[in-house]
Amino acid sequence: MIRSSKFWAAAILLLIIGIVAGSVLIWSKYNRSQPIDINLSPAPEIDGQISVAGAVNVPGYYPLQEGDSIAALLEAAGGTTAAADLDGIKLYIPSVNEAEVSQKVNLNHAGAWLLQALPGIGETKAQAIIDYRQQNGQFRHISEITSVEGIGTATYEKIKHLITVSD
């Protein structure tokens, strides 16, 4: 009797092992995951201007090129004010029909690279503006830019709607 119970125990154990092994084989044959086709498209090239506004020292439009970081943009905008909440950075994309509000370049605070964004102002003229500002103090009126070497009335007429002066 002990012999027959050992026989049946071994038979049941083999049957269970067979069922489990068969189930695993069937499951693996029919449950093959399909490969996922991932198409990576290149990111759009960035080259233009971006408006930096809010709690920054010198809000305005700044040149943006591929690889520029948010930290570099904030530095270009004169850094953040004490009230800035850097956890709350907002990106705003205007619609095509939305009117653009132009931010003027402040002659008393703009760096060379920002001045170069103005039409007719290259590297040499931008540096001349900065040199003039350092030698003569802040600009008191936008027309004073014509006192800068290399900038005449023609250049002034092209940029007068794009520039401002303030402390």
N, C-alpha and C. Protein backbone atom coordinates (compact mmCIF):
# COMPACT_ATOMS: atom_id res chain seq x y z
N MET A 1 0.80 -1.17 0.00
CA MET A 1 0.00 0.00 0.00
C MET A 1 0.87 1.26 0.00
N ILE A 2 1.96 1.22 0.75
CA ILE A 2 2.88 2.35 0.76
C ILE A 2 3.50 2.49 -0.62
N ARG A 3 3.73 1.34 -1.24
CA ARG A 3 4.33 1.37 -2.56
C ARG A 3 3.38 2.01 -3.57
N SER A 4 2.14 1.72 -3.50
CA SER A 4 1.21 2.29 -4.47
C SER A 4 0.98 3.78 -4.21
N SER A 5 1.03 4.24 -2.96
CA SER A 5 0.87 5.67 -2.69
C SER A 5 2.10 6.45 -3.15
N LYS A 6 3.30 5.86 -3.05
CA LYS A 6 4.51 6.51 -3.58
C LYS A 6 4.43 6.59 -5.09
N PHE A 7 3.90 5.54 -5.70
CA PHE A 7 3.76 5.51 -7.15
C PHE A 7 2.84 6.63 -7.60
N TRP A 8 1.68 6.76 -6.92
CA TRP A 8 0.72 7.79 -7.30
C TRP A 8 1.26 9.20 -7.00
N ALA A 9 1.99 9.37 -5.94
CA ALA A 9 2.58 10.67 -5.60
C ALA A 9 3.60 11.08 -6.67
N ALA A 10 4.42 10.11 -7.11
CA ALA A 10 5.41 10.38 -8.15
C ALA A 10 4.71 10.68 -9.47
N ALA A 11 3.64 9.94 -9.78
CA ALA A 11 2.90 10.15 -11.02
C ALA A 11 2.25 11.54 -11.03
N ILE A 12 1.67 11.93 -9.91
CA ILE A 12 1.02 13.25 -9.83
C ILE A 12 2.07 14.36 -9.94
N LEU A 13 3.23 14.17 -9.30
CA LEU A 13 4.31 15.15 -9.37
C LEU A 13 4.80 15.30 -10.80
N LEU A 14 4.99 14.20 -11.51
CA LEU A 14 5.42 14.25 -12.91
C LEU A 14 4.35 14.91 -13.78
N LEU A 15 3.09 14.62 -13.50
CA LEU A 15 2.00 15.23 -14.26
C LEU A 15 1.98 16.75 -14.06
N ILE A 16 2.16 17.20 -12.82
CA ILE A 16 2.19 18.64 -12.53
C ILE A 16 3.38 19.30 -13.22
N ILE A 17 4.55 18.68 -13.16
CA ILE A 17 5.74 19.22 -13.83
C ILE A 17 5.50 19.29 -15.33
N GLY A 18 4.88 18.27 -15.90
CA GLY A 18 4.58 18.26 -17.33
C GLY A 18 3.61 19.37 -17.72
N ILE A 19 2.58 19.57 -16.89
CA ILE A 19 1.60 20.63 -17.19
C ILE A 19 2.26 22.00 -17.12
N VAL A 20 3.06 22.23 -16.08
CA VAL A 20 3.75 23.52 -15.94
C VAL A 20 4.71 23.74 -17.11
N ALA A 21 5.51 22.73 -17.45
CA ALA A 21 6.46 22.87 -18.56
C ALA A 21 5.74 23.10 -19.88
N GLY A 22 4.67 22.38 -20.11
CA GLY A 22 3.89 22.57 -21.34
C GLY A 22 3.27 23.95 -21.41
N SER A 23 2.75 24.43 -20.28
CA SER A 23 2.15 25.77 -20.25
C SER A 23 3.19 26.84 -20.56
N VAL A 24 4.37 26.69 -20.00
CA VAL A 24 5.44 27.66 -20.26
C VAL A 24 5.83 27.65 -21.73
N LEU A 25 5.94 26.48 -22.33
CA LEU A 25 6.29 26.38 -23.75
C LEU A 25 5.22 27.01 -24.63
N ILE A 26 3.96 26.71 -24.35
CA ILE A 26 2.87 27.26 -25.15
C ILE A 26 2.80 28.78 -24.97
N TRP A 27 2.93 29.25 -23.73
CA TRP A 27 2.88 30.68 -23.46
C TRP A 27 4.00 31.42 -24.18
N SER A 28 5.22 30.86 -24.13
CA SER A 28 6.35 31.54 -24.77
C SER A 28 6.23 31.53 -26.29
N LYS A 29 5.59 30.51 -26.85
CA LYS A 29 5.45 30.43 -28.31
C LYS A 29 4.44 31.46 -28.81
N TYR A 30 3.33 31.64 -28.12
CA TYR A 30 2.27 32.52 -28.58
C TYR A 30 2.31 33.93 -27.99
N ASN A 31 3.14 34.15 -27.01
CA ASN A 31 3.19 35.45 -26.36
C ASN A 31 4.48 36.19 -26.70
N ARG A 32 4.91 36.09 -27.90
CA ARG A 32 6.10 36.82 -28.32
C ARG A 32 5.72 38.28 -28.48
N SER A 33 6.45 39.15 -27.82
CA SER A 33 6.15 40.57 -27.94
C SER A 33 6.62 41.07 -29.30
N GLN A 34 5.81 41.93 -29.87
CA GLN A 34 6.14 42.51 -31.16
C GLN A 34 7.17 43.62 -30.96
N PRO A 35 8.13 43.72 -31.86
CA PRO A 35 9.11 44.80 -31.72
C PRO A 35 8.43 46.16 -31.92
N ILE A 36 8.87 47.12 -31.17
CA ILE A 36 8.32 48.47 -31.27
C ILE A 36 9.22 49.27 -32.19
N ASP A 37 8.62 49.86 -33.21
CA ASP A 37 9.36 50.66 -34.17
C ASP A 37 9.37 52.10 -33.69
N ILE A 38 10.54 52.61 -33.35
CA ILE A 38 10.68 53.97 -32.86
C ILE A 38 11.38 54.80 -33.92
N ASN A 39 10.70 55.83 -34.38
CA ASN A 39 11.29 56.73 -35.36
C ASN A 39 11.67 58.02 -34.65
N LEU A 40 12.95 58.30 -34.61
CA LEU A 40 13.42 59.52 -33.98
C LEU A 40 13.67 60.56 -35.06
N SER A 41 12.89 61.62 -35.00
CA SER A 41 13.11 62.70 -35.96
C SER A 41 14.01 63.74 -35.30
N PRO A 42 14.86 64.37 -36.08
CA PRO A 42 15.75 65.36 -35.47
C PRO A 42 14.95 66.55 -34.94
N ALA A 43 15.45 67.13 -33.88
CA ALA A 43 14.79 68.30 -33.30
C ALA A 43 14.88 69.45 -34.29
N PRO A 44 13.87 70.30 -34.31
CA PRO A 44 13.94 71.43 -35.24
C PRO A 44 15.11 72.34 -34.88
N GLU A 45 15.75 72.88 -35.91
CA GLU A 45 16.86 73.78 -35.67
C GLU A 45 16.34 75.08 -35.05
N ILE A 46 17.06 75.53 -34.07
CA ILE A 46 16.66 76.75 -33.38
C ILE A 46 17.66 77.84 -33.74
N ASP A 47 17.16 78.90 -34.30
CA ASP A 47 18.00 80.05 -34.59
C ASP A 47 17.08 81.23 -34.76
N GLY A 48 17.06 82.09 -33.81
CA GLY A 48 16.15 83.22 -33.87
C GLY A 48 16.26 84.05 -32.61
N GLN A 49 15.14 84.57 -32.18
CA GLN A 49 15.11 85.38 -30.98
C GLN A 49 14.08 84.83 -30.02
N ILE A 50 14.33 85.05 -28.76
CA ILE A 50 13.40 84.61 -27.73
C ILE A 50 13.16 85.78 -26.77
N SER A 51 11.93 85.92 -26.37
CA SER A 51 11.58 86.98 -25.42
C SER A 51 11.78 86.46 -24.01
N VAL A 52 12.60 87.15 -23.25
CA VAL A 52 12.80 86.82 -21.84
C VAL A 52 12.15 87.95 -21.05
N ALA A 53 11.14 87.62 -20.26
CA ALA A 53 10.39 88.63 -19.53
C ALA A 53 10.12 88.15 -18.12
N GLY A 54 9.52 88.99 -17.33
CA GLY A 54 9.17 88.60 -15.96
C GLY A 54 10.22 89.11 -14.99
N ALA A 55 10.59 88.28 -14.03
CA ALA A 55 11.48 88.68 -12.95
C ALA A 55 12.95 88.58 -13.36
N VAL A 56 13.31 89.31 -14.44
CA VAL A 56 14.70 89.42 -14.87
C VAL A 56 15.08 90.91 -14.85
N ASN A 57 16.36 91.18 -14.77
CA ASN A 57 16.82 92.57 -14.66
C ASN A 57 16.68 93.36 -15.95
N VAL A 58 16.89 92.71 -17.10
CA VAL A 58 16.81 93.41 -18.39
C VAL A 58 15.93 92.59 -19.33
N PRO A 59 14.60 92.69 -19.21
CA PRO A 59 13.74 91.92 -20.10
C PRO A 59 13.89 92.40 -21.54
N GLY A 60 13.68 91.48 -22.46
CA GLY A 60 13.77 91.86 -23.87
C GLY A 60 13.92 90.63 -24.76
N TYR A 61 14.16 90.88 -26.04
CA TYR A 61 14.39 89.81 -27.00
C TYR A 61 15.88 89.54 -27.06
N TYR A 62 16.22 88.27 -27.04
CA TYR A 62 17.62 87.87 -27.05
C TYR A 62 17.84 86.83 -28.15
N PRO A 63 18.99 86.88 -28.81
CA PRO A 63 19.29 85.88 -29.84
C PRO A 63 19.36 84.49 -29.21
N LEU A 64 18.83 83.52 -29.92
CA LEU A 64 18.82 82.14 -29.44
C LEU A 64 19.37 81.25 -30.53
N GLN A 65 20.34 80.44 -30.17
CA GLN A 65 20.92 79.50 -31.11
C GLN A 65 20.88 78.11 -30.51
N GLU A 66 21.01 77.12 -31.37
CA GLU A 66 20.99 75.74 -30.91
C GLU A 66 22.09 75.53 -29.87
N GLY A 67 21.74 74.90 -28.79
CA GLY A 67 22.70 74.63 -27.73
C GLY A 67 22.68 75.65 -26.60
N ASP A 68 21.99 76.78 -26.79
CA ASP A 68 21.89 77.77 -25.72
C ASP A 68 21.08 77.19 -24.56
N SER A 69 21.46 77.53 -23.36
CA SER A 69 20.75 77.03 -22.18
C SER A 69 19.89 78.13 -21.58
N ILE A 70 18.97 77.72 -20.73
CA ILE A 70 18.13 78.69 -20.03
C ILE A 70 19.00 79.56 -19.13
N ALA A 71 20.02 78.96 -18.52
CA ALA A 71 20.91 79.73 -17.66
C ALA A 71 21.62 80.83 -18.45
N ALA A 72 22.03 80.53 -19.68
CA ALA A 72 22.69 81.54 -20.52
C ALA A 72 21.73 82.66 -20.89
N LEU A 73 20.48 82.31 -21.18
CA LEU A 73 19.48 83.34 -21.49
C LEU A 73 19.21 84.24 -20.29
N LEU A 74 19.11 83.63 -19.11
CA LEU A 74 18.88 84.43 -17.90
C LEU A 74 20.07 85.34 -17.62
N GLU A 75 21.27 84.84 -17.85
CA GLU A 75 22.47 85.66 -17.67
C GLU A 75 22.47 86.82 -18.66
N ALA A 76 22.06 86.54 -19.90
CA ALA A 76 22.00 87.59 -20.92
C ALA A 76 20.98 88.66 -20.53
N ALA A 77 19.94 88.26 -19.84
CA ALA A 77 18.90 89.20 -19.42
C ALA A 77 19.27 89.89 -18.11
N GLY A 78 20.54 89.88 -17.77
CA GLY A 78 21.00 90.58 -16.57
C GLY A 78 20.77 89.81 -15.29
N GLY A 79 20.42 88.55 -15.40
CA GLY A 79 20.15 87.75 -14.22
C GLY A 79 18.73 87.93 -13.73
N THR A 80 18.39 87.18 -12.72
CA THR A 80 17.03 87.23 -12.18
C THR A 80 16.96 88.22 -11.02
N THR A 81 15.77 88.71 -10.78
CA THR A 81 15.56 89.60 -9.63
C THR A 81 15.40 88.75 -8.38
N ALA A 82 15.38 89.40 -7.24
CA ALA A 82 15.22 88.69 -5.97
C ALA A 82 13.86 88.01 -5.88
N ALA A 83 12.88 88.51 -6.61
CA ALA A 83 11.52 87.96 -6.56
C ALA A 83 11.32 86.78 -7.52
N ALA A 84 12.35 86.40 -8.24
CA ALA A 84 12.21 85.34 -9.26
C ALA A 84 11.92 83.99 -8.62
N ASP A 85 10.99 83.25 -9.23
CA ASP A 85 10.67 81.89 -8.82
C ASP A 85 11.15 80.96 -9.92
N LEU A 86 12.35 80.43 -9.77
CA LEU A 86 12.94 79.61 -10.83
C LEU A 86 12.27 78.25 -10.99
N ASP A 87 11.41 77.89 -10.06
CA ASP A 87 10.65 76.65 -10.21
C ASP A 87 9.43 76.87 -11.10
N GLY A 88 9.16 78.11 -11.45
CA GLY A 88 7.96 78.43 -12.22
C GLY A 88 8.27 79.02 -13.58
N ILE A 89 9.28 78.52 -14.27
CA ILE A 89 9.61 79.03 -15.60
C ILE A 89 8.49 78.65 -16.56
N LYS A 90 8.07 79.62 -17.38
CA LYS A 90 6.95 79.41 -18.30
C LYS A 90 7.42 79.63 -19.73
N LEU A 91 7.06 78.73 -20.61
CA LEU A 91 7.35 78.87 -22.04
C LEU A 91 6.05 79.21 -22.73
N TYR A 92 6.03 80.31 -23.47
CA TYR A 92 4.81 80.76 -24.13
C TYR A 92 5.06 80.82 -25.63
N ILE A 93 4.23 80.12 -26.40
CA ILE A 93 4.32 80.11 -27.86
C ILE A 93 3.13 80.90 -28.39
N PRO A 94 3.37 82.05 -29.01
CA PRO A 94 2.25 82.84 -29.52
C PRO A 94 1.67 82.21 -30.79
N SER A 95 0.41 82.49 -31.06
CA SER A 95 -0.21 81.99 -32.29
C SER A 95 0.23 82.86 -33.46
N VAL A 96 0.02 82.37 -34.67
CA VAL A 96 0.43 83.08 -35.87
C VAL A 96 -0.28 84.43 -35.98
N ASN A 97 -1.54 84.48 -35.60
CA ASN A 97 -2.34 85.70 -35.73
C ASN A 97 -2.14 86.69 -34.59
N GLU A 98 -1.39 86.30 -33.58
CA GLU A 98 -1.21 87.15 -32.41
C GLU A 98 -0.27 88.31 -32.72
N ALA A 99 -0.66 89.48 -32.30
CA ALA A 99 0.18 90.66 -32.52
C ALA A 99 1.43 90.56 -31.65
N GLU A 100 2.56 90.90 -32.24
CA GLU A 100 3.82 90.82 -31.51
C GLU A 100 4.11 92.16 -30.85
N VAL A 101 4.40 92.10 -29.58
CA VAL A 101 4.78 93.31 -28.86
C VAL A 101 6.31 93.32 -28.83
N SER A 102 6.88 94.30 -29.49
CA SER A 102 8.33 94.36 -29.60
C SER A 102 8.94 94.92 -28.33
N GLN A 103 9.95 94.26 -27.83
CA GLN A 103 10.68 94.73 -26.67
C GLN A 103 11.90 95.49 -27.17
N LYS A 104 12.11 96.67 -26.67
CA LYS A 104 13.21 97.50 -27.15
C LYS A 104 14.51 97.15 -26.44
N VAL A 105 15.62 97.38 -27.14
CA VAL A 105 16.95 97.14 -26.59
C VAL A 105 17.38 98.38 -25.82
N ASN A 106 17.74 98.19 -24.57
CA ASN A 106 18.15 99.31 -23.73
C ASN A 106 19.64 99.58 -23.97
N LEU A 107 19.94 100.73 -24.54
CA LEU A 107 21.33 101.08 -24.86
C LEU A 107 22.21 101.17 -23.63
N ASN A 108 21.63 101.42 -22.46
CA ASN A 108 22.42 101.57 -21.25
C ASN A 108 22.75 100.24 -20.57
N HIS A 109 22.15 99.16 -21.00
CA HIS A 109 22.39 97.87 -20.34
C HIS A 109 22.73 96.74 -21.29
N ALA A 110 22.48 96.89 -22.57
CA ALA A 110 22.64 95.78 -23.52
C ALA A 110 24.10 95.41 -23.71
N GLY A 111 24.34 94.12 -23.80
CA GLY A 111 25.67 93.61 -24.12
C GLY A 111 25.90 93.66 -25.62
N ALA A 112 27.14 93.41 -26.02
CA ALA A 112 27.50 93.49 -27.44
C ALA A 112 26.66 92.55 -28.30
N TRP A 113 26.46 91.34 -27.83
CA TRP A 113 25.72 90.36 -28.64
C TRP A 113 24.28 90.80 -28.86
N LEU A 114 23.67 91.49 -27.88
CA LEU A 114 22.30 91.96 -28.04
C LEU A 114 22.25 93.17 -28.97
N LEU A 115 23.22 94.04 -28.85
CA LEU A 115 23.29 95.19 -29.76
C LEU A 115 23.45 94.72 -31.21
N GLN A 116 24.18 93.63 -31.40
CA GLN A 116 24.39 93.09 -32.75
C GLN A 116 23.10 92.56 -33.36
N ALA A 117 22.08 92.33 -32.55
CA ALA A 117 20.79 91.87 -33.08
C ALA A 117 20.05 93.02 -33.77
N LEU A 118 20.48 94.24 -33.54
CA LEU A 118 19.86 95.40 -34.19
C LEU A 118 20.32 95.49 -35.64
N PRO A 119 19.44 95.89 -36.55
CA PRO A 119 19.84 95.99 -37.96
C PRO A 119 20.92 97.06 -38.15
N GLY A 120 21.96 96.70 -38.89
CA GLY A 120 23.04 97.63 -39.18
C GLY A 120 24.10 97.72 -38.09
N ILE A 121 23.94 96.97 -37.02
CA ILE A 121 24.92 96.99 -35.93
C ILE A 121 25.66 95.66 -35.92
N GLY A 122 26.92 95.72 -36.26
CA GLY A 122 27.76 94.52 -36.23
C GLY A 122 28.62 94.52 -34.99
N GLU A 123 29.63 93.67 -35.01
CA GLU A 123 30.50 93.52 -33.85
C GLU A 123 31.25 94.82 -33.52
N THR A 124 31.75 95.49 -34.55
CA THR A 124 32.52 96.71 -34.35
C THR A 124 31.66 97.84 -33.79
N LYS A 125 30.48 98.04 -34.37
CA LYS A 125 29.60 99.12 -33.89
C LYS A 125 29.06 98.82 -32.50
N ALA A 126 28.78 97.55 -32.22
CA ALA A 126 28.30 97.18 -30.88
C ALA A 126 29.37 97.52 -29.84
N GLN A 127 30.61 97.20 -30.15
CA GLN A 127 31.69 97.51 -29.22
C GLN A 127 31.88 99.02 -29.09
N ALA A 128 31.68 99.76 -30.19
CA ALA A 128 31.78 101.22 -30.13
C ALA A 128 30.70 101.81 -29.22
N ILE A 129 29.50 101.24 -29.25
CA ILE A 129 28.41 101.70 -28.37
C ILE A 129 28.80 101.47 -26.91
N ILE A 130 29.33 100.29 -26.62
CA ILE A 130 29.74 99.96 -25.25
C ILE A 130 30.87 100.88 -24.80
N ASP A 131 31.85 101.10 -25.68
CA ASP A 131 32.97 101.99 -25.34
C ASP A 131 32.47 103.40 -25.07
N TYR A 132 31.55 103.89 -25.89
CA TYR A 132 30.99 105.23 -25.71
C TYR A 132 30.28 105.31 -24.35
N ARG A 133 29.53 104.29 -24.04
CA ARG A 133 28.78 104.25 -22.77
C ARG A 133 29.74 104.26 -21.58
N GLN A 134 30.86 103.55 -21.70
CA GLN A 134 31.83 103.50 -20.60
C GLN A 134 32.58 104.83 -20.45
N GLN A 135 32.83 105.50 -21.56
CA GLN A 135 33.58 106.76 -21.51
C GLN A 135 32.70 107.96 -21.14
N ASN A 136 31.44 107.94 -21.58
CA ASN A 136 30.57 109.11 -21.41
C ASN A 136 29.41 108.91 -20.45
N GLY A 137 29.30 107.76 -19.87
CA GLY A 137 28.18 107.48 -18.99
C GLY A 137 26.97 107.02 -19.80
N GLN A 138 25.87 106.87 -19.12
CA GLN A 138 24.67 106.34 -19.76
C GLN A 138 24.12 107.31 -20.81
N PHE A 139 23.47 106.71 -21.80
CA PHE A 139 22.79 107.52 -22.82
C PHE A 139 21.60 108.22 -22.15
N ARG A 140 21.38 109.48 -22.52
CA ARG A 140 20.26 110.23 -21.97
C ARG A 140 19.06 110.24 -22.91
N HIS A 141 19.33 110.07 -24.21
CA HIS A 141 18.27 110.04 -25.22
C HIS A 141 18.72 109.11 -26.33
N ILE A 142 17.76 108.47 -26.99
CA ILE A 142 18.14 107.49 -28.03
C ILE A 142 18.89 108.15 -29.18
N SER A 143 18.62 109.41 -29.47
CA SER A 143 19.31 110.09 -30.58
C SER A 143 20.80 110.28 -30.29
N GLU A 144 21.18 110.17 -29.03
CA GLU A 144 22.59 110.31 -28.66
C GLU A 144 23.45 109.22 -29.28
N ILE A 145 22.83 108.16 -29.75
CA ILE A 145 23.59 107.07 -30.38
C ILE A 145 24.32 107.55 -31.63
N THR A 146 23.84 108.64 -32.23
CA THR A 146 24.52 109.17 -33.42
C THR A 146 25.87 109.78 -33.06
N SER A 147 26.14 109.98 -31.78
CA SER A 147 27.45 110.47 -31.34
C SER A 147 28.48 109.36 -31.31
N VAL A 148 28.03 108.11 -31.40
CA VAL A 148 28.94 106.97 -31.41
C VAL A 148 29.60 106.88 -32.78
N GLU A 149 30.92 106.69 -32.77
CA GLU A 149 31.67 106.61 -34.02
C GLU A 149 31.14 105.45 -34.88
N GLY A 150 30.83 105.77 -36.14
CA GLY A 150 30.35 104.75 -37.08
C GLY A 150 28.84 104.65 -37.17
N ILE A 151 28.13 105.38 -36.33
CA ILE A 151 26.67 105.32 -36.36
C ILE A 151 26.14 106.70 -36.74
N GLY A 152 25.55 106.75 -37.92
CA GLY A 152 25.02 108.02 -38.41
C GLY A 152 23.51 108.04 -38.38
N THR A 153 22.94 109.04 -39.03
CA THR A 153 21.49 109.19 -39.02
C THR A 153 20.78 108.06 -39.77
N ALA A 154 21.42 107.50 -40.80
CA ALA A 154 20.79 106.39 -41.54
C ALA A 154 20.61 105.17 -40.64
N THR A 155 21.65 104.84 -39.89
CA THR A 155 21.55 103.71 -38.95
C THR A 155 20.55 104.03 -37.85
N TYR A 156 20.60 105.26 -37.35
CA TYR A 156 19.67 105.67 -36.30
C TYR A 156 18.22 105.53 -36.77
N GLU A 157 17.92 105.94 -37.98
CA GLU A 157 16.56 105.84 -38.51
C GLU A 157 16.10 104.39 -38.59
N LYS A 158 17.04 103.47 -38.87
CA LYS A 158 16.68 102.05 -38.97
C LYS A 158 16.38 101.43 -37.61
N ILE A 159 17.02 101.95 -36.56
CA ILE A 159 16.90 101.28 -35.25
C ILE A 159 16.15 102.09 -34.20
N LYS A 160 15.75 103.31 -34.48
CA LYS A 160 15.17 104.17 -33.43
C LYS A 160 13.90 103.57 -32.80
N HIS A 161 13.15 102.79 -33.56
CA HIS A 161 11.94 102.17 -33.00
C HIS A 161 12.26 100.89 -32.20
N LEU A 162 13.53 100.49 -32.22
CA LEU A 162 13.95 99.26 -31.54
C LEU A 162 14.79 99.52 -30.29
N ILE A 163 15.12 100.78 -30.02
CA ILE A 163 16.01 101.08 -28.90
C ILE A 163 15.33 101.98 -27.88
N THR A 164 15.86 101.94 -26.67
CA THR A 164 15.38 102.78 -25.58
C THR A 164 16.55 103.09 -24.66
N VAL A 165 16.36 104.05 -23.77
CA VAL A 165 17.35 104.34 -22.73
C VAL A 165 16.61 104.46 -21.41
N SER A 166 17.17 103.87 -20.39
CA SER A 166 16.64 104.00 -19.03
C SER A 166 17.74 103.61 -18.07
N ASP A 167 17.55 103.96 -16.81
CA ASP A 167 18.56 103.64 -15.80
C ASP A 167 18.55 102.20 -15.57
